């Protein structure tokens, strides 16, 4: 199962649990121990909605990580920056400038 399929599945489960909760909330369904089932369905739907949101966030992080790896490879291949051993702050600043996240300090 792919990440997109998992996101879709968790959203479907959340929607299904919402529909079940609506069923149990109906007064005509009180014979089904509706209050207990309603609460369980609402909680399950909320958990699946939250899980879907986390998975979407993970997808964004993966995409950003892939872009960062590609940017570093491009910089190394073009010999645009000679990576030092210890100056991580300078490297991070360079990468953020290169990717357009920060204003280039020479432009200010």
PDB file of N, CA and C in Angstrom:
ATOM      1  N   UNK A   1       0.858  -1.174   0.000  1.00  0.00           N
ATOM      2  CA  UNK A   1       0.000   0.000   0.000  1.00  0.00           C
ATOM      3  C   UNK A   1       0.906   1.239   0.000  1.00  0.00           C
ATOM      4  N   UNK A   2       0.628   2.162  -0.884  1.00  0.00           N
ATOM      5  CA  UNK A   2       1.412   3.391  -0.957  1.00  0.00           C
ATOM      6  C   UNK A   2       0.934   4.384   0.100  1.00  0.00           C
ATOM      7  N   UNK A   3       1.719   5.440   0.284  1.00  0.00           N
ATOM      8  CA  UNK A   3       1.332   6.479   1.237  1.00  0.00           C
ATOM      9  C   UNK A   3       0.017   7.133   0.814  1.00  0.00           C
ATOM     10  N   UNK A   4      -0.136   7.425  -0.479  1.00  0.00           N
ATOM     11  CA  UNK A   4      -1.386   8.022  -0.957  1.00  0.00           C
ATOM     12  C   UNK A   4      -2.577   7.086  -0.742  1.00  0.00           C
ATOM     13  N   UNK A   5      -2.377   5.797  -0.965  1.00  0.00           N
ATOM     14  CA  UNK A   5      -3.457   4.824  -0.726  1.00  0.00           C
ATOM     15  C   UNK A   5      -3.804   4.753   0.761  1.00  0.00           C
ATOM     16  N   UNK A   6      -2.798   4.830   1.608  1.00  0.00           N
ATOM     17  CA  UNK A   6      -3.030   4.795   3.054  1.00  0.00           C
ATOM     18  C   UNK A   6      -3.795   6.031   3.514  1.00  0.00           C
ATOM     19  N   UNK A   7      -3.430   7.193   2.973  1.00  0.00           N
ATOM     20  CA  UNK A   7      -4.153   8.429   3.298  1.00  0.00           C
ATOM     21  C   UNK A   7      -5.603   8.294   2.872  1.00  0.00           C
ATOM     22  N   UNK A   8      -5.818   7.835   1.660  1.00  0.00           N
ATOM     23  CA  UNK A   8      -7.180   7.667   1.141  1.00  0.00           C
ATOM     24  C   UNK A   8      -7.973   6.686   2.014  1.00  0.00           C
ATOM     25  N   UNK A   9      -7.338   5.577   2.392  1.00  0.00           N
ATOM     26  CA  UNK A   9      -8.010   4.567   3.220  1.00  0.00           C
ATOM     27  C   UNK A   9      -8.409   5.143   4.574  1.00  0.00           C
ATOM     28  N   UNK A  10      -7.508   5.867   5.217  1.00  0.00           N
ATOM     29  CA  UNK A  10      -7.834   6.417   6.542  1.00  0.00           C
ATOM     30  C   UNK A  10      -8.955   7.449   6.442  1.00  0.00           C
ATOM     31  N   UNK A  11      -8.981   8.212   5.354  1.00  0.00           N
ATOM     32  CA  UNK A  11     -10.079   9.170   5.160  1.00  0.00           C
ATOM     33  C   UNK A  11     -11.399   8.440   4.920  1.00  0.00           C
ATOM     34  N   UNK A  12     -11.352   7.323   4.189  1.00  0.00           N
ATOM     35  CA  UNK A  12     -12.570   6.529   3.960  1.00  0.00           C
ATOM     36  C   UNK A  12     -13.097   5.935   5.259  1.00  0.00           C
ATOM     37  N   UNK A  13     -12.191   5.437   6.091  1.00  0.00           N
ATOM     38  CA  UNK A  13     -12.603   4.872   7.387  1.00  0.00           C
ATOM     39  C   UNK A  13     -13.227   5.961   8.250  1.00  0.00           C
ATOM     40  N   UNK A  14     -12.619   7.145   8.257  1.00  0.00           N
ATOM     41  CA  UNK A  14     -13.167   8.254   9.042  1.00  0.00           C
ATOM     42  C   UNK A  14     -14.579   8.595   8.570  1.00  0.00           C
ATOM     43  N   UNK A  15     -14.770   8.649   7.264  1.00  0.00           N
ATOM     44  CA  UNK A  15     -16.104   8.953   6.718  1.00  0.00           C
ATOM     45  C   UNK A  15     -17.104   7.852   7.066  1.00  0.00           C
ATOM     46  N   UNK A  16     -16.679   6.608   6.971  1.00  0.00           N
ATOM     47  CA  UNK A  16     -17.549   5.485   7.325  1.00  0.00           C
ATOM     48  C   UNK A  16     -17.948   5.547   8.801  1.00  0.00           C
ATOM     49  N   UNK A  17     -17.002   5.865   9.660  1.00  0.00           N
ATOM     50  CA  UNK A  17     -17.307   5.967  11.088  1.00  0.00           C
ATOM     51  C   UNK A  17     -18.250   7.140  11.371  1.00  0.00           C
ATOM     52  N   UNK A  18     -18.094   8.229  10.626  1.00  0.00           N
ATOM     53  CA  UNK A  18     -19.036   9.343  10.762  1.00  0.00           C
ATOM     54  C   UNK A  18     -20.446   8.902  10.387  1.00  0.00           C
ATOM     55  N   UNK A  19     -20.569   8.151   9.316  1.00  0.00           N
ATOM     56  CA  UNK A  19     -21.883   7.665   8.888  1.00  0.00           C
ATOM     57  C   UNK A  19     -22.483   6.716   9.915  1.00  0.00           C
ATOM     58  N   UNK A  20     -21.648   5.859  10.475  1.00  0.00           N
ATOM     59  CA  UNK A  20     -22.146   4.944  11.519  1.00  0.00           C
ATOM     60  C   UNK A  20     -22.591   5.726  12.750  1.00  0.00           C
ATOM     61  N   UNK A  21     -21.822   6.755  13.111  1.00  0.00           N
ATOM     62  CA  UNK A  21     -22.192   7.582  14.268  1.00  0.00           C
ATOM     63  C   UNK A  21     -23.552   8.227  14.032  1.00  0.00           C
ATOM     64  N   UNK A  22     -23.784   8.714  12.811  1.00  0.00           N
ATOM     65  CA  UNK A  22     -25.086   9.312  12.490  1.00  0.00           C
ATOM     66  C   UNK A  22     -26.192   8.284  12.637  1.00  0.00           C
ATOM     67  N   UNK A  23     -25.930   7.049  12.216  1.00  0.00           N
ATOM     68  CA  UNK A  23     -26.920   5.983  12.354  1.00  0.00           C
ATOM     69  C   UNK A  23     -27.272   5.770  13.825  1.00  0.00           C
ATOM     70  N   UNK A  24     -26.261   5.657  14.671  1.00  0.00           N
ATOM     71  CA  UNK A  24     -26.499   5.383  16.086  1.00  0.00           C
ATOM     72  C   UNK A  24     -27.092   6.580  16.822  1.00  0.00           C
ATOM     73  N   UNK A  25     -26.936   7.756  16.271  1.00  0.00           N
ATOM     74  CA  UNK A  25     -27.496   8.947  16.912  1.00  0.00           C
ATOM     75  C   UNK A  25     -29.002   9.061  16.679  1.00  0.00           C
ATOM     76  N   UNK A  26     -29.491   8.422  15.625  1.00  0.00           N
ATOM     77  CA  UNK A  26     -30.927   8.459  15.317  1.00  0.00           C
ATOM     78  C   UNK A  26     -31.728   7.851  16.471  1.00  0.00           C
ATOM     79  N   UNK A  27     -32.779   8.525  16.911  1.00  0.00           N
ATOM     80  CA  UNK A  27     -33.592   8.001  18.021  1.00  0.00           C
ATOM     81  C   UNK A  27     -34.183   6.616  17.729  1.00  0.00           C
ATOM     82  N   UNK A  28     -34.484   6.337  16.485  1.00  0.00           N
ATOM     83  CA  UNK A  28     -35.100   5.044  16.147  1.00  0.00           C
ATOM     84  C   UNK A  28     -34.140   3.865  16.334  1.00  0.00           C
ATOM     85  N   UNK A  29     -32.849   4.140  16.492  1.00  0.00           N
ATOM     86  CA  UNK A  29     -31.859   3.072  16.628  1.00  0.00           C
ATOM     87  C   UNK A  29     -31.410   2.875  18.070  1.00  0.00           C
ATOM     88  N   UNK A  30     -32.200   3.321  19.016  1.00  0.00           N
ATOM     89  CA  UNK A  30     -31.817   3.246  20.428  1.00  0.00           C
ATOM     90  C   UNK A  30     -31.689   1.806  20.916  1.00  0.00           C
ATOM     91  N   UNK A  31     -32.309   0.869  20.232  1.00  0.00           N
ATOM     92  CA  UNK A  31     -32.227  -0.535  20.646  1.00  0.00           C
ATOM     93  C   UNK A  31     -30.830  -1.115  20.430  1.00  0.00           C
ATOM     94  N   UNK A  32     -29.996  -0.437  19.684  1.00  0.00           N
ATOM     95  CA  UNK A  32     -28.660  -0.947  19.363  1.00  0.00           C
ATOM     96  C   UNK A  32     -27.595  -0.497  20.363  1.00  0.00           C
ATOM     97  N   UNK A  33     -27.983  -0.130  21.581  1.00  0.00           N
ATOM     98  CA  UNK A  33     -27.025   0.421  22.540  1.00  0.00           C
ATOM     99  C   UNK A  33     -26.310   1.607  21.886  1.00  0.00           C
ATOM    100  N   UNK A  34     -27.124   2.478  21.336  1.00  0.00           N
ATOM    101  CA  UNK A  34     -26.655   3.534  20.455  1.00  0.00           C
ATOM    102  C   UNK A  34     -25.656   4.482  21.093  1.00  0.00           C
ATOM    103  N   UNK A  35     -25.853   4.848  22.329  1.00  0.00           N
ATOM    104  CA  UNK A  35     -24.965   5.831  22.953  1.00  0.00           C
ATOM    105  C   UNK A  35     -23.524   5.337  22.979  1.00  0.00           C
ATOM    106  N   UNK A  36     -23.333   4.097  23.378  1.00  0.00           N
ATOM    107  CA  UNK A  36     -21.990   3.515  23.431  1.00  0.00           C
ATOM    108  C   UNK A  36     -21.383   3.429  22.029  1.00  0.00           C
ATOM    109  N   UNK A  37     -22.144   2.919  21.071  1.00  0.00           N
ATOM    110  CA  UNK A  37     -21.642   2.783  19.708  1.00  0.00           C
ATOM    111  C   UNK A  37     -21.382   4.154  19.070  1.00  0.00           C
ATOM    112  N   UNK A  38     -22.254   5.108  19.333  1.00  0.00           N
ATOM    113  CA  UNK A  38     -22.065   6.461  18.797  1.00  0.00           C
ATOM    114  C   UNK A  38     -20.728   7.033  19.248  1.00  0.00           C
ATOM    115  N   UNK A  39     -20.454   6.927  20.555  1.00  0.00           N
ATOM    116  CA  UNK A  39     -19.204   7.455  21.105  1.00  0.00           C
ATOM    117  C   UNK A  39     -18.000   6.750  20.491  1.00  0.00           C
ATOM    118  N   UNK A  40     -18.053   5.439  20.359  1.00  0.00           N
ATOM    119  CA  UNK A  40     -16.957   4.682  19.753  1.00  0.00           C
ATOM    120  C   UNK A  40     -16.716   5.119  18.306  1.00  0.00           C
ATOM    121  N   UNK A  41     -17.777   5.305  17.558  1.00  0.00           N
ATOM    122  CA  UNK A  41     -17.651   5.695  16.149  1.00  0.00           C
ATOM    123  C   UNK A  41     -17.077   7.103  16.002  1.00  0.00           C
ATOM    124  N   UNK A  42     -17.517   8.007  16.849  1.00  0.00           N
ATOM    125  CA  UNK A  42     -17.000   9.380  16.806  1.00  0.00           C
ATOM    126  C   UNK A  42     -15.506   9.384  17.123  1.00  0.00           C
ATOM    127  N   UNK A  43     -15.110   8.642  18.146  1.00  0.00           N
ATOM    128  CA  UNK A  43     -13.689   8.576  18.516  1.00  0.00           C
ATOM    129  C   UNK A  43     -12.859   7.946  17.396  1.00  0.00           C
ATOM    130  N   UNK A  44     -13.362   6.884  16.808  1.00  0.00           N
ATOM    131  CA  UNK A  44     -12.647   6.211  15.728  1.00  0.00           C
ATOM    132  C   UNK A  44     -12.501   7.140  14.520  1.00  0.00           C
ATOM    133  N   UNK A  45     -13.560   7.845  14.174  1.00  0.00           N
ATOM    134  CA  UNK A  45     -13.510   8.783  13.048  1.00  0.00           C
ATOM    135  C   UNK A  45     -12.477   9.868  13.302  1.00  0.00           C
ATOM    136  N   UNK A  46     -12.456  10.402  14.517  1.00  0.00           N
ATOM    137  CA  UNK A  46     -11.496  11.455  14.856  1.00  0.00           C
ATOM    138  C   UNK A  46     -10.060  10.930  14.791  1.00  0.00           C
ATOM    139  N   UNK A  47      -9.838   9.741  15.299  1.00  0.00           N
ATOM    140  CA  UNK A  47      -8.496   9.158  15.247  1.00  0.00           C
ATOM    141  C   UNK A  47      -8.029   8.961  13.808  1.00  0.00           C
ATOM    142  N   UNK A  48      -8.921   8.507  12.944  1.00  0.00           N
ATOM    143  CA  UNK A  48      -8.553   8.296  11.544  1.00  0.00           C
ATOM    144  C   UNK A  48      -8.345   9.619  10.808  1.00  0.00           C
ATOM    145  N   UNK A  49      -9.122  10.637  11.139  1.00  0.00           N
ATOM    146  CA  UNK A  49      -8.892  11.969  10.542  1.00  0.00           C
ATOM    147  C   UNK A  49      -7.520  12.494  10.953  1.00  0.00           C
ATOM    148  N   UNK A  50      -7.195  12.337  12.215  1.00  0.00           N
ATOM    149  CA  UNK A  50      -5.898  12.786  12.724  1.00  0.00           C
ATOM    150  C   UNK A  50      -4.762  12.008  12.052  1.00  0.00           C
ATOM    151  N   UNK A  51      -4.927  10.714  11.917  1.00  0.00           N
ATOM    152  CA  UNK A  51      -3.924   9.887  11.253  1.00  0.00           C
ATOM    153  C   UNK A  51      -3.734  10.330   9.800  1.00  0.00           C
ATOM    154  N   UNK A  52      -4.820  10.604   9.104  1.00  0.00           N
ATOM    155  CA  UNK A  52      -4.724  11.073   7.715  1.00  0.00           C
ATOM    156  C   UNK A  52      -3.954  12.388   7.640  1.00  0.00           C
ATOM    157  N   UNK A  53      -4.191  13.287   8.582  1.00  0.00           N
ATOM    158  CA  UNK A  53      -3.464  14.566   8.599  1.00  0.00           C
ATOM    159  C   UNK A  53      -1.969  14.342   8.834  1.00  0.00           C
ATOM    160  N   UNK A  54      -1.631  13.447   9.745  1.00  0.00           N
ATOM    161  CA  UNK A  54      -0.221  13.151  10.007  1.00  0.00           C
ATOM    162  C   UNK A  54       0.442  12.536   8.772  1.00  0.00           C
ATOM    163  N   UNK A  55      -0.279  11.668   8.091  1.00  0.00           N
ATOM    164  CA  UNK A  55       0.273  11.048   6.887  1.00  0.00           C
ATOM    165  C   UNK A  55       0.478  12.081   5.780  1.00  0.00           C
ATOM    166  N   UNK A  56      -0.435  13.044   5.686  1.00  0.00           N
ATOM    167  CA  UNK A  56      -0.267  14.118   4.700  1.00  0.00           C
ATOM    168  C   UNK A  56       0.962  14.961   5.049  1.00  0.00           C
ATOM    169  N   UNK A  57       1.154  15.200   6.330  1.00  0.00           N
ATOM    170  CA  UNK A  57       2.325  15.952   6.779  1.00  0.00           C
ATOM    171  C   UNK A  57       3.603  15.175   6.455  1.00  0.00           C
ATOM    172  N   UNK A  58       3.582  13.869   6.695  1.00  0.00           N
ATOM    173  CA  UNK A  58       4.722  13.023   6.354  1.00  0.00           C
ATOM    174  C   UNK A  58       5.030  13.107   4.856  1.00  0.00           C
ATOM    175  N   UNK A  59       4.008  13.115   4.045  1.00  0.00           N
ATOM    176  CA  UNK A  59       4.189  13.210   2.594  1.00  0.00           C
ATOM    177  C   UNK A  59       4.903  14.509   2.220  1.00  0.00           C
ATOM    178  N   UNK A  60       4.516  15.608   2.848  1.00  0.00           N
ATOM    179  CA  UNK A  60       5.172  16.901   2.594  1.00  0.00           C
ATOM    180  C   UNK A  60       6.630  16.843   3.033  1.00  0.00           C
ATOM    181  N   UNK A  61       6.889  16.277   4.215  1.00  0.00           N
ATOM    182  CA  UNK A  61       8.266  16.173   4.694  1.00  0.00           C
ATOM    183  C   UNK A  61       9.118  15.333   3.746  1.00  0.00           C
ATOM    184  N   UNK A  62       8.565  14.237   3.263  1.00  0.00           N
ATOM    185  CA  UNK A  62       9.301  13.397   2.317  1.00  0.00           C
ATOM    186  C   UNK A  62       9.624  14.164   1.036  1.00  0.00           C
ATOM    187  N   UNK A  63       8.650  14.900   0.543  1.00  0.00           N
ATOM    188  CA  UNK A  63       8.866  15.690  -0.674  1.00  0.00           C
ATOM    189  C   UNK A  63       9.951  16.733  -0.442  1.00  0.00           C
ATOM    190  N   UNK A  64       9.875  17.440   0.676  1.00  0.00           N
ATOM    191  CA  UNK A  64      10.881  18.462   0.993  1.00  0.00           C
ATOM    192  C   UNK A  64      12.261  17.842   1.165  1.00  0.00           C
ATOM    193  N   UNK A  65      12.322  16.673   1.804  1.00  0.00           N
ATOM    194  CA  UNK A  65      13.600  15.999   1.995  1.00  0.00           C
ATOM    195  C   UNK A  65      14.197  15.611   0.642  1.00  0.00           C
ATOM    196  N   UNK A  66      13.354  15.118  -0.261  1.00  0.00           N
ATOM    197  CA  UNK A  66      13.830  14.746  -1.591  1.00  0.00           C
ATOM    198  C   UNK A  66      14.354  15.977  -2.331  1.00  0.00           C
ATOM    199  N   UNK A  67      13.654  17.091  -2.224  1.00  0.00           N
ATOM    200  CA  UNK A  67      14.109  18.325  -2.871  1.00  0.00           C
ATOM    201  C   UNK A  67      15.439  18.780  -2.282  1.00  0.00           C
ATOM    202  N   UNK A  68      15.595  18.656  -0.976  1.00  0.00           N
ATOM    203  CA  UNK A  68      16.844  19.048  -0.335  1.00  0.00           C
ATOM    204  C   UNK A  68      17.990  18.159  -0.815  1.00  0.00           C
ATOM    205  N   UNK A  69      17.755  16.855  -0.888  1.00  0.00           N
ATOM    206  CA  UNK A  69      18.801  15.948  -1.382  1.00  0.00           C
ATOM    207  C   UNK A  69      19.189  16.294  -2.816  1.00  0.00           C
ATOM    208  N   UNK A  70      18.197  16.595  -3.650  1.00  0.00           N
ATOM    209  CA  UNK A  70      18.485  16.966  -5.034  1.00  0.00           C
ATOM    210  C   UNK A  70      19.269  18.276  -5.102  1.00  0.00           C
ATOM    211  N   UNK A  71      18.916  19.224  -4.237  1.00  0.00           N
ATOM    212  CA  UNK A  71      19.620  20.504  -4.205  1.00  0.00           C
ATOM    213  C   UNK A  71      21.073  20.307  -3.789  1.00  0.00           C
ATOM    214  N   UNK A  72      21.313  19.516  -2.771  1.00  0.00           N
ATOM    215  CA  UNK A  72      22.679  19.256  -2.313  1.00  0.00           C
ATOM    216  C   UNK A  72      23.480  18.575  -3.413  1.00  0.00           C
ATOM    217  N   UNK A  73      22.887  17.606  -4.077  1.00  0.00           N
ATOM    218  CA  UNK A  73      23.568  16.920  -5.176  1.00  0.00           C
ATOM    219  C   UNK A  73      23.910  17.897  -6.292  1.00  0.00           C
ATOM    220  N   UNK A  74      22.955  18.756  -6.637  1.00  0.00           N
ATOM    221  CA  UNK A  74      23.185  19.754  -7.685  1.00  0.00           C
ATOM    222  C   UNK A  74      24.324  20.696  -7.305  1.00  0.00           C
ATOM    223  N   UNK A  75      24.332  21.143  -6.062  1.00  0.00           N
ATOM    224  CA  UNK A  75      25.377  22.050  -5.594  1.00  0.00           C
ATOM    225  C   UNK A  75      26.745  21.352  -5.644  1.00  0.00           C
ATOM    226  N   UNK A  76      26.785  20.117  -5.170  1.00  0.00           N
ATOM    227  CA  UNK A  76      28.050  19.377  -5.181  1.00  0.00           C
ATOM    228  C   UNK A  76      28.516  19.128  -6.618  1.00  0.00           C
ATOM    229  N   UNK A  77      27.587  18.739  -7.499  1.00  0.00           N
ATOM    230  CA  UNK A  77      27.948  18.452  -8.884  1.00  0.00           C
ATOM    231  C   UNK A  77      28.466  19.684  -9.608  1.00  0.00           C
ATOM    232  N   UNK A  78      27.941  20.837  -9.264  1.00  0.00           N
ATOM    233  CA  UNK A  78      28.345  22.088  -9.916  1.00  0.00           C
ATOM    234  C   UNK A  78      29.513  22.767  -9.209  1.00  0.00           C
ATOM    235  N   UNK A  79      30.007  22.116  -8.142  1.00  0.00           N
ATOM    236  CA  UNK A  79      31.111  22.686  -7.360  1.00  0.00           C
ATOM    237  C   UNK A  79      30.827  24.127  -6.933  1.00  0.00           C
ATOM    238  N   UNK A  80      29.554  24.396  -6.570  1.00  0.00           N
ATOM    239  CA  UNK A  80      29.175  25.748  -6.175  1.00  0.00           C
ATOM    240  C   UNK A  80      29.549  26.054  -4.731  1.00  0.00           C
ATOM    241  N   UNK A  81      29.796  25.026  -3.972  1.00  0.00           N
ATOM    242  CA  UNK A  81      30.132  25.253  -2.568  1.00  0.00           C
ATOM    243  C   UNK A  81      31.047  24.132  -2.123  1.00  0.00           C
ATOM    244  N   UNK A  82      32.129  24.487  -1.545  1.00  0.00           N
ATOM    245  CA  UNK A  82      33.052  23.491  -0.989  1.00  0.00           C
ATOM    246  C   UNK A  82      32.645  23.253   0.457  1.00  0.00           C
ATOM    247  N   UNK A  83      32.150  22.055   0.726  1.00  0.00           N
ATOM    248  CA  UNK A  83      31.650  21.748   2.054  1.00  0.00           C
ATOM    249  C   UNK A  83      32.784  21.632   3.052  1.00  0.00           C
ATOM    250  N   UNK A  84      32.686  22.438   4.122  1.00  0.00           N
ATOM    251  CA  UNK A  84      33.658  22.358   5.202  1.00  0.00           C
ATOM    252  C   UNK A  84      33.275  21.237   6.144  1.00  0.00           C
ATOM    253  N   UNK A  85      34.170  20.893   7.016  1.00  0.00           N
ATOM    254  CA  UNK A  85      33.914  19.787   7.931  1.00  0.00           C
ATOM    255  C   UNK A  85      33.057  20.186   9.122  1.00  0.00           C
ATOM    256  N   UNK A  86      33.209  21.410   9.619  1.00  0.00           N
ATOM    257  CA  UNK A  86      32.604  21.754  10.903  1.00  0.00           C
ATOM    258  C   UNK A  86      31.600  22.893  10.857  1.00  0.00           C
ATOM    259  N   UNK A  87      31.547  23.663   9.803  1.00  0.00           N
ATOM    260  CA  UNK A  87      30.703  24.854   9.806  1.00  0.00           C
ATOM    261  C   UNK A  87      29.300  24.545   9.278  1.00  0.00           C
ATOM    262  N   UNK A  88      28.496  23.893  10.115  1.00  0.00           N
ATOM    263  CA  UNK A  88      27.140  23.507   9.723  1.00  0.00           C
ATOM    264  C   UNK A  88      26.232  24.725   9.569  1.00  0.00           C
ATOM    265  N   UNK A  89      26.446  25.738  10.381  1.00  0.00           N
ATOM    266  CA  UNK A  89      25.623  26.946  10.293  1.00  0.00           C
ATOM    267  C   UNK A  89      25.796  27.601   8.935  1.00  0.00           C
ATOM    268  N   UNK A  90      27.046  27.724   8.500  1.00  0.00           N
ATOM    269  CA  UNK A  90      27.315  28.326   7.190  1.00  0.00           C
ATOM    270  C   UNK A  90      26.710  27.480   6.070  1.00  0.00           C
ATOM    271  N   UNK A  91      26.822  26.171   6.187  1.00  0.00           N
ATOM    272  CA  UNK A  91      26.249  25.276   5.177  1.00  0.00           C
ATOM    273  C   UNK A  91      24.730  25.414   5.130  1.00  0.00           C
ATOM    274  N   UNK A  92      24.081  25.422   6.274  1.00  0.00           N
ATOM    275  CA  UNK A  92      22.614  25.567   6.322  1.00  0.00           C
ATOM    276  C   UNK A  92      22.181  26.896   5.722  1.00  0.00           C
ATOM    277  N   UNK A  93      22.884  27.951   6.072  1.00  0.00           N
ATOM    278  CA  UNK A  93      22.562  29.276   5.535  1.00  0.00           C
ATOM    279  C   UNK A  93      22.721  29.277   4.011  1.00  0.00           C
ATOM    280  N   UNK A  94      23.805  28.662   3.523  1.00  0.00           N
ATOM    281  CA  UNK A  94      24.044  28.592   2.084  1.00  0.00           C
ATOM    282  C   UNK A  94      22.907  27.839   1.390  1.00  0.00           C
ATOM    283  N   UNK A  95      22.517  26.681   1.948  1.00  0.00           N
ATOM    284  CA  UNK A  95      21.443  25.883   1.340  1.00  0.00           C
ATOM    285  C   UNK A  95      20.126  26.640   1.318  1.00  0.00           C
ATOM    286  N   UNK A  96      19.792  27.300   2.418  1.00  0.00           N
ATOM    287  CA  UNK A  96      18.545  28.062   2.478  1.00  0.00           C
ATOM    288  C   UNK A  96      18.561  29.218   1.489  1.00  0.00           C
ATOM    289  N   UNK A  97      19.698  29.896   1.364  1.00  0.00           N
ATOM    290  CA  UNK A  97      19.822  30.957   0.362  1.00  0.00           C
ATOM    291  C   UNK A  97      19.674  30.388  -1.041  1.00  0.00           C
ATOM    292  N   UNK A  98      20.349  29.266  -1.286  1.00  0.00           N
ATOM    293  CA  UNK A  98      20.341  28.638  -2.607  1.00  0.00           C
ATOM    294  C   UNK A  98      18.926  28.238  -3.012  1.00  0.00           C
ATOM    295  N   UNK A  99      18.169  27.729  -2.050  1.00  0.00           N
ATOM    296  CA  UNK A  99      16.806  27.266  -2.327  1.00  0.00           C
ATOM    297  C   UNK A  99      15.801  28.403  -2.316  1.00  0.00           C
ATOM    298  N   UNK A 100      16.242  29.629  -2.012  1.00  0.00           N
ATOM    299  CA  UNK A 100      15.350  30.766  -2.023  1.00  0.00           C
ATOM    300  C   UNK A 100      14.516  30.923  -0.773  1.00  0.00           C
ATOM    301  N   UNK A 101      14.879  30.204   0.289  1.00  0.00           N
ATOM    302  CA  UNK A 101      14.124  30.303   1.533  1.00  0.00           C
ATOM    303  C   UNK A 101      14.507  31.560   2.296  1.00  0.00           C
ATOM    304  N   UNK A 102      15.782  31.888   2.298  1.00  0.00           N
ATOM    305  CA  UNK A 102      16.273  33.115   2.941  1.00  0.00           C
ATOM    306  C   UNK A 102      16.714  34.097   1.877  1.00  0.00           C
ATOM    307  N   UNK A 103      16.654  35.361   2.212  1.00  0.00           N
ATOM    308  CA  UNK A 103      17.209  36.362   1.309  1.00  0.00           C
ATOM    309  C   UNK A 103      18.712  36.189   1.281  1.00  0.00           C
ATOM    310  N   UNK A 104      19.286  36.348   0.140  1.00  0.00           N
ATOM    311  CA  UNK A 104      20.730  36.279   0.022  1.00  0.00           C
ATOM    312  C   UNK A 104      21.322  37.425   0.822  1.00  0.00           C
ATOM    313  N   UNK A 105      22.243  37.125   1.707  1.00  0.00           N
ATOM    314  CA  UNK A 105      22.785  38.144   2.600  1.00  0.00           C
ATOM    315  C   UNK A 105      23.530  39.239   1.840  1.00  0.00           C
ATOM    316  N   UNK A 106      24.039  38.931   0.657  1.00  0.00           N
ATOM    317  CA  UNK A 106      24.746  39.952  -0.111  1.00  0.00           C
ATOM    318  C   UNK A 106      23.778  40.915  -0.771  1.00  0.00           C
ATOM    319  N   UNK A 107      22.500  40.535  -0.883  1.00  0.00           N
ATOM    320  CA  UNK A 107      21.488  41.403  -1.509  1.00  0.00           C
ATOM    321  C   UNK A 107      20.962  42.462  -0.550  1.00  0.00           C
ATOM    322  N   UNK A 108      21.119  42.250   0.774  1.00  0.00           N
ATOM    323  CA  UNK A 108      20.522  43.175   1.733  1.00  0.00           C
ATOM    324  C   UNK A 108      21.351  44.398   1.976  1.00  0.00           C
TER     325      UNK A 108
END
